Amino acid sequence: MKVECLKFDLPLRDPFTIARGTVTVQPTLIVRVERDGLVGLGEATTNDFYGITLKSMKAALERVRGKLENCDLENPAVVWKELDEDLQDCRFAQCALDCAVWDLYAKQQGLPLWKLWGFEATDPRPPTCFTIGLDSPEEMVRKLHDRPGWSVYKIKLDASGGLDLVQELRKHTDAKFRVDANCSWKPEQVRTLAGELAAQNVELIEQPLEHLEYDAMREFKGACALPIMADESCQVESDVDRCIPGFDAINIKLVKCGGLTPARRMIARAKQRGLQVMVGCMTESSIGISAGVHLLPLLDYADLDGALLLEKDIARGLSWEQGVCDLPTAPGLGVELI
């Protein structure tokens, strides 16, 4: 199996601001694997919070190049396991490779990945939210109007709590809101804000406290007006059990956990232990987003709008209508570089 790394800079449609910073251009790595004339694609973005650079991802993938050239492709999950020791210190690179291998494997079978996994086109699947980054109230309203008619929007908030922003946006739509504090709140804010946000038709709060404050989160589970979802607190498989005492739901991001292979196990474990599940994204192109799309029939929530935040996508194959994504019909992940 031949492996190639392709680097792209993805300009965003608008500056994207969360509680810990702003991004205007997103560097991303596309991993391309090839065997017998078929090509598989996967993607992972750089990320300062997790210490991920293009250099670190390329170095991780270089360590497994020799093994990949001679490996069998009878089961991508086996490939993931065989390479885990070499890639576990860079889950982002592991994700890009794992998704590319699943793409190639499904193409070898001549099936879309979701169909290979046994899903049906008629299986229920949640719509994705559209994310509105932190900005002035006027700009956040403008971003809302730029994507009218969606059933749910995610609103990024910061240490101030952001109730005023939610109230202003509520004047312009009856859609459901989710709010994401990205680790910026203090424990004393959570219960009060949950009650006030519930009155604004907010359906959940994502990651209110710092990601290691598992013990502090215990007092809020079942005691708040809104369910609370882990994001930064749920990075890899072992974090699912750590989140059970303090969270009602988890947001699984493929780049954080190492790809589709561990994500499927995390979904199963979370549901077994009574947690709801969302699959989220970074600001990937449609290549990275497509991997999450194939998991939609398993999910309670989806946050897969990353490519829609870009000024211009570098891939095609996904079809969106106000947050609802059709399952791709082409073999593999169903996307290709433009």
Protein backbone atom coordinates (compact mmCIF):
# COMPACT_ATOMS: atom_id res chain seq x y z
CA MET A 1 0.00 0.00 0.00
CA LYS A 2 1.54 3.31 -1.08
CA VAL A 3 1.11 6.31 1.23
CA GLU A 4 1.28 9.99 0.32
CA CYS A 5 0.78 13.11 2.47
CA LEU A 6 -0.75 16.23 0.90
CA LYS A 7 -0.85 19.57 2.72
CA PHE A 8 -3.53 22.21 2.15
CA ASP A 9 -4.32 25.57 3.71
CA LEU A 10 -8.08 26.02 4.01
CA PRO A 11 -9.24 29.67 4.28
CA LEU A 12 -12.41 30.04 6.33
CA ARG A 13 -15.47 31.94 5.11
CA ASP A 14 -15.38 34.03 8.32
CA PRO A 15 -12.86 34.22 11.16
CA PHE A 16 -13.82 31.37 13.50
CA THR A 17 -13.52 32.29 17.16
CA ILE A 18 -14.02 30.13 20.23
CA ALA A 19 -13.17 30.80 23.88
CA ARG A 20 -9.46 30.12 23.38
CA GLY A 21 -8.68 31.77 20.04
CA THR A 22 -9.43 32.60 16.41
CA VAL A 23 -8.68 30.73 13.19
CA THR A 24 -8.81 32.29 9.73
CA VAL A 25 -6.86 29.66 7.77
CA GLN A 26 -6.85 25.98 8.70
CA PRO A 27 -3.81 23.90 7.70
CA THR A 28 -4.83 20.32 7.02
CA LEU A 29 -3.22 17.05 5.99
CA ILE A 30 -4.77 14.73 3.42
CA VAL A 31 -3.48 11.15 3.56
CA ARG A 32 -3.72 9.28 0.27
CA VAL A 33 -3.28 5.49 0.18
CA GLU A 34 -3.23 3.49 -3.03
CA ARG A 35 -3.34 -0.18 -3.93
CA ASP A 36 -4.17 -1.93 -7.21
CA GLY A 37 -5.28 1.31 -8.83
CA LEU A 38 -7.72 2.25 -6.06
CA VAL A 39 -7.21 5.30 -3.83
CA GLY A 40 -8.34 5.96 -0.27
CA LEU A 41 -8.41 9.40 1.34
CA GLY A 42 -8.36 10.58 4.95
CA GLU A 43 -7.80 13.91 6.65
CA ALA A 44 -6.68 15.54 9.88
CA THR A 45 -6.25 19.23 10.68
CA THR A 46 -3.51 20.79 12.73
CA ASN A 47 -4.56 21.88 16.23
CA ASP A 48 -2.70 24.06 18.73
CA PHE A 49 -4.76 22.89 21.74
CA TYR A 50 -3.75 19.27 21.17
CA GLY A 51 -0.22 20.14 20.03
CA ILE A 52 -0.72 18.79 16.51
CA THR A 53 1.36 20.13 13.62
CA LEU A 54 1.85 19.04 10.04
CA LYS A 55 5.39 18.07 10.99
CA SER A 56 4.28 15.82 13.85
CA MET A 57 1.64 14.11 11.71
CA LYS A 58 4.01 13.49 8.81
CA ALA A 59 6.68 12.15 11.19
CA ALA A 60 4.18 9.71 12.73
CA LEU A 61 3.08 8.45 9.34
CA GLU A 62 6.66 8.06 8.17
CA ARG A 63 7.25 5.62 11.05
CA VAL A 64 4.69 3.20 9.62
CA ARG A 65 5.38 3.61 5.91
CA GLY A 66 7.38 0.38 5.68
CA LYS A 67 4.74 -1.64 7.51
CA LEU A 68 1.97 -0.27 5.31
CA GLU A 69 3.75 -1.19 2.10
CA ASN A 70 3.58 -4.87 3.02
CA CYS A 71 0.39 -5.10 5.10
CA ASP A 72 -2.69 -7.12 4.18
CA LEU A 73 -5.98 -5.26 3.89
CA GLU A 74 -8.47 -7.90 4.96
CA ASN A 75 -9.81 -5.75 7.82
CA PRO A 76 -9.01 -2.05 8.47
CA ALA A 77 -9.58 -2.56 12.20
CA VAL A 78 -6.74 -5.09 12.23
CA VAL A 79 -4.48 -2.63 10.41
CA TRP A 80 -5.34 -0.01 13.04
CA LYS A 81 -4.41 -2.41 15.86
CA GLU A 82 -1.14 -3.44 14.22
CA LEU A 83 -0.04 0.18 13.83
CA ASP A 84 -1.39 1.53 17.12
CA GLU A 85 1.87 1.23 19.04
CA ASP A 86 3.60 3.41 16.44
CA LEU A 87 0.79 5.97 16.10
CA GLN A 88 -0.74 6.28 19.57
CA ASP A 89 1.22 9.45 20.32
CA CYS A 90 -0.36 11.18 17.30
CA ARG A 91 -4.03 10.23 17.08
CA PHE A 92 -4.68 12.90 14.44
CA ALA A 93 -2.30 11.23 11.99
CA GLN A 94 -3.74 7.85 12.98
CA CYS A 95 -7.20 9.14 12.14
CA ALA A 96 -6.25 10.38 8.68
CA LEU A 97 -4.65 7.04 7.88
CA ASP A 98 -7.47 4.94 9.35
CA CYS A 99 -10.13 6.82 7.37
CA ALA A 100 -8.08 6.49 4.18
CA VAL A 101 -7.73 2.73 4.75
CA TRP A 102 -11.49 2.33 5.33
CA ASP A 103 -12.13 4.36 2.16
CA LEU A 104 -9.83 2.09 0.15
CA TYR A 105 -11.23 -1.09 1.72
CA ALA A 106 -14.84 -0.16 0.94
CA LYS A 107 -13.85 0.70 -2.63
CA GLN A 108 -12.32 -2.76 -2.95
CA GLN A 109 -15.72 -4.17 -1.96
CA GLY A 110 -17.50 -1.84 -4.37
CA LEU A 111 -19.74 -0.42 -1.63
CA PRO A 112 -20.30 2.86 0.21
CA LEU A 113 -18.84 2.44 3.68
CA TRP A 114 -22.21 2.82 5.44
CA LYS A 115 -23.64 0.00 3.36
CA LEU A 116 -20.59 -2.16 4.05
CA TRP A 117 -21.30 -1.68 7.76
CA GLY A 118 -24.87 -2.90 7.30
CA PHE A 119 -26.80 0.37 7.53
CA GLU A 120 -29.83 1.17 5.38
CA ALA A 121 -30.44 4.39 3.46
CA THR A 122 -33.72 4.74 5.38
CA ASP A 123 -32.09 4.51 8.84
CA PRO A 124 -32.83 7.61 10.94
CA ARG A 125 -29.90 10.01 11.16
CA PRO A 126 -29.68 13.33 12.97
CA PRO A 127 -29.15 16.63 11.15
CA THR A 128 -25.91 18.45 11.79
CA CYS A 129 -25.92 21.77 13.58
CA PHE A 130 -24.44 24.87 11.99
CA THR A 131 -21.83 26.51 14.23
CA ILE A 132 -21.75 30.24 14.91
CA GLY A 133 -18.39 31.36 16.22
CA LEU A 134 -17.92 34.07 18.83
CA ASP A 135 -18.20 37.58 17.44
CA SER A 136 -20.09 40.79 17.96
CA PRO A 137 -23.85 40.29 18.33
CA GLU A 138 -24.38 41.88 14.92
CA GLU A 139 -21.93 39.55 13.21
CA MET A 140 -23.35 36.47 14.93
CA VAL A 141 -26.83 37.43 13.76
CA ARG A 142 -25.47 37.94 10.25
CA LYS A 143 -23.91 34.44 10.29
CA LEU A 144 -27.24 33.03 11.44
CA HIS A 145 -29.03 34.69 8.54
CA ASP A 146 -26.37 33.39 6.12
CA ARG A 147 -27.58 29.83 6.91
CA PRO A 148 -31.36 30.20 7.26
CA GLY A 149 -33.75 27.36 7.84
CA TRP A 150 -31.50 25.02 9.81
CA SER A 151 -33.17 23.05 12.59
CA VAL A 152 -30.29 23.49 15.05
CA TYR A 153 -27.41 25.91 15.54
CA LYS A 154 -24.39 25.60 17.82
CA ILE A 155 -23.36 28.86 19.50
CA LYS A 156 -19.82 29.28 20.76
CA LEU A 157 -19.61 31.06 24.13
CA ASP A 158 -16.83 32.19 26.47
CA ALA A 159 -16.12 32.85 30.14
CA SER A 160 -18.76 35.59 30.31
CA GLY A 161 -21.47 32.95 29.97
CA GLY A 162 -22.90 34.41 26.78
CA LEU A 163 -26.55 34.54 27.81
CA ASP A 164 -26.95 37.93 26.13
CA LEU A 165 -25.71 36.52 22.82
CA VAL A 166 -28.13 33.59 22.99
CA GLN A 167 -31.01 35.95 23.80
CA GLU A 168 -30.15 38.15 20.82
CA LEU A 169 -29.91 35.21 18.42
CA ARG A 170 -33.17 33.81 19.76
CA LYS A 171 -34.97 36.89 18.39
CA HIS A 172 -34.11 35.74 14.86
CA THR A 173 -35.02 32.02 14.79
CA ASP A 174 -37.13 29.39 16.50
CA ALA A 175 -34.53 26.69 15.79
CA LYS A 176 -32.94 24.72 18.60
CA PHE A 177 -29.65 25.96 19.98
CA ARG A 178 -26.70 24.13 21.47
CA VAL A 179 -24.05 26.09 23.33
CA ASP A 180 -20.35 25.27 23.59
CA ALA A 181 -18.20 26.95 26.23
CA ASN A 182 -14.96 25.18 25.20
CA CYS A 183 -13.75 24.77 28.82
CA SER A 184 -14.22 28.47 29.70
CA TRP A 185 -16.81 28.45 32.52
CA LYS A 186 -16.36 28.12 36.26
CA PRO A 187 -18.32 25.57 38.32
CA GLU A 188 -20.40 28.28 40.00
CA GLN A 189 -21.76 29.39 36.59
CA VAL A 190 -23.00 26.07 35.32
CA ARG A 191 -26.24 25.46 37.21
CA THR A 192 -27.52 29.03 36.88
CA LEU A 193 -26.66 29.33 33.21
CA ALA A 194 -28.25 25.96 32.47
CA GLY A 195 -31.59 27.19 33.80
CA GLU A 196 -31.41 30.48 31.91
CA LEU A 197 -30.36 28.81 28.67
CA ALA A 198 -33.09 26.18 28.92
CA ALA A 199 -35.59 29.03 28.81
CA GLN A 200 -34.07 30.03 25.44
CA ASN A 201 -34.76 26.62 23.84
CA VAL A 202 -31.14 25.48 24.23
CA GLU A 203 -30.99 21.68 24.12
CA LEU A 204 -27.57 21.02 25.68
CA ILE A 205 -24.36 22.53 27.02
CA GLU A 206 -21.07 21.31 25.63
CA GLN A 207 -17.86 21.23 27.70
CA PRO A 208 -18.46 23.95 30.31
CA LEU A 209 -15.39 23.26 32.49
CA GLU A 210 -11.70 22.56 31.90
CA HIS A 211 -11.22 19.16 30.34
CA LEU A 212 -9.68 17.44 33.40
CA GLU A 213 -12.35 18.59 35.88
CA TYR A 214 -14.14 15.24 35.92
CA ASP A 215 -14.79 15.36 39.65
CA ALA A 216 -16.29 18.86 39.51
CA MET A 217 -18.69 17.73 36.79
CA ARG A 218 -20.22 15.04 39.02
CA GLU A 219 -22.40 17.52 40.89
CA PHE A 220 -24.13 18.65 37.70
CA LYS A 221 -25.15 15.36 36.11
CA GLY A 222 -28.88 14.99 36.62
CA ALA A 223 -29.01 18.22 38.62
CA CYS A 224 -29.07 20.77 35.79
CA ALA A 225 -31.90 22.00 33.60
CA LEU A 226 -29.93 20.87 30.53
CA PRO A 227 -27.88 17.80 29.64
CA ILE A 228 -24.14 18.35 29.53
CA MET A 229 -21.90 16.94 26.83
CA ALA A 230 -18.17 16.22 27.04
CA ASP A 231 -15.88 17.26 24.20
CA GLU A 232 -12.36 18.08 25.33
CA SER A 233 -12.97 15.71 28.27
CA CYS A 234 -13.59 12.83 25.87
CA GLN A 235 -10.60 12.40 23.59
CA VAL A 236 -9.78 8.68 23.42
CA GLU A 237 -11.50 5.38 24.17
CA SER A 238 -10.55 5.26 27.84
CA ASP A 239 -12.21 8.64 28.39
CA VAL A 240 -15.69 7.25 27.75
CA ASP A 241 -15.81 5.58 31.16
CA ARG A 242 -14.24 8.64 32.80
CA CYS A 243 -17.12 10.75 31.46
CA ILE A 244 -19.95 8.55 32.74
CA PRO A 245 -20.23 10.03 36.29
CA GLY A 246 -20.28 13.68 35.16
CA PHE A 247 -21.74 13.91 31.66
CA ASP A 248 -24.96 12.99 29.91
CA ALA A 249 -23.42 12.78 26.45
CA ILE A 250 -20.09 12.75 24.64
CA ASN A 251 -18.81 14.38 21.48
CA ILE A 252 -16.49 11.98 19.64
CA LYS A 253 -14.09 13.59 17.21
CA LEU A 254 -12.36 11.19 14.88
CA VAL A 255 -9.08 13.11 14.89
CA LYS A 256 -8.86 12.98 18.68
CA CYS A 257 -9.54 9.29 19.11
CA GLY A 258 -7.63 7.96 16.09
CA GLY A 259 -10.24 7.44 13.39
CA LEU A 260 -13.32 5.44 12.52
CA THR A 261 -12.07 2.21 14.07
CA PRO A 262 -11.95 3.45 17.70
CA ALA A 263 -14.91 5.80 17.18
CA ARG A 264 -17.21 2.86 16.49
CA ARG A 265 -16.05 1.17 19.70
CA MET A 266 -16.56 4.41 21.65
CA ILE A 267 -20.10 4.78 20.32
CA ALA A 268 -20.94 1.23 21.35
CA ARG A 269 -19.43 1.67 24.82
CA ALA A 270 -21.17 4.99 25.41
CA LYS A 271 -24.58 3.61 24.47
CA GLN A 272 -23.98 0.56 26.63
CA ARG A 273 -23.39 2.87 29.61
CA GLY A 274 -26.34 5.20 28.94
CA LEU A 275 -24.57 8.15 27.32
CA GLN A 276 -25.89 9.89 24.23
CA VAL A 277 -23.44 10.35 21.39
CA MET A 278 -22.49 13.06 18.95
CA VAL A 279 -19.76 12.92 16.34
CA GLY A 280 -18.14 16.29 15.85
CA CYS A 281 -15.48 17.77 13.62
CA MET A 282 -12.79 20.35 13.20
CA THR A 283 -12.76 22.64 10.14
CA GLU A 284 -11.88 19.83 7.76
CA SER A 285 -12.73 19.65 4.11
CA SER A 286 -15.40 17.23 2.92
CA ILE A 287 -12.81 14.45 3.04
CA GLY A 288 -12.59 14.54 6.82
CA ILE A 289 -16.28 15.31 7.23
CA SER A 290 -17.36 12.39 5.04
CA ALA A 291 -15.94 9.87 7.49
CA GLY A 292 -18.27 11.14 10.21
CA VAL A 293 -21.22 11.15 7.81
CA HIS A 294 -21.01 7.35 7.50
CA LEU A 295 -21.57 7.09 11.27
CA LEU A 296 -24.80 9.13 11.23
CA PRO A 297 -27.16 6.15 11.65
CA LEU A 298 -25.51 5.42 15.02
CA LEU A 299 -25.77 8.95 16.44
CA ASP A 300 -28.08 11.01 18.64
CA TYR A 301 -26.52 14.31 17.54
CA ALA A 302 -24.20 15.46 14.76
CA ASP A 303 -21.82 18.39 14.40
CA LEU A 304 -20.35 17.86 10.94
CA ASP A 305 -20.44 21.33 9.43
CA GLY A 306 -16.68 21.93 9.21
CA ALA A 307 -16.47 22.00 5.41
CA LEU A 308 -19.42 24.40 5.28
CA LEU A 309 -17.36 26.93 7.26
CA LEU A 310 -14.68 27.03 4.55
CA GLU A 311 -14.39 29.67 1.88
CA LYS A 312 -13.91 26.90 -0.66
CA ASP A 313 -13.97 23.13 -0.25
CA ILE A 314 -11.17 21.04 -1.78
CA ALA A 315 -13.35 17.95 -2.23
CA ARG A 316 -16.75 17.00 -3.59
CA GLY A 317 -19.24 14.23 -3.02
CA LEU A 318 -21.38 15.30 -0.05
CA SER A 319 -24.85 16.74 -0.52
CA TRP A 320 -26.29 18.98 2.22
CA GLU A 321 -29.74 20.48 2.63
CA GLN A 322 -30.11 22.67 5.74
CA GLY A 323 -28.11 20.31 7.91
CA VAL A 324 -29.35 17.03 6.46
CA CYS A 325 -26.67 15.08 4.57
CA ASP A 326 -27.53 12.36 2.09
CA LEU A 327 -25.52 9.20 2.63
CA PRO A 328 -23.02 9.02 -0.26
CA THR A 329 -23.78 6.45 -2.95
CA ALA A 330 -20.28 6.14 -4.45
CA PRO A 331 -18.01 3.38 -3.11
CA GLY A 332 -15.86 4.12 -0.08
CA LEU A 333 -16.33 7.45 1.70
CA GLY A 334 -17.89 8.84 -1.46
CA VAL A 335 -15.68 11.92 -1.84
CA GLU A 336 -12.80 12.93 -4.04
CA LEU A 337 -10.33 15.77 -4.26
CA ILE A 338 -11.30 18.48 -6.72
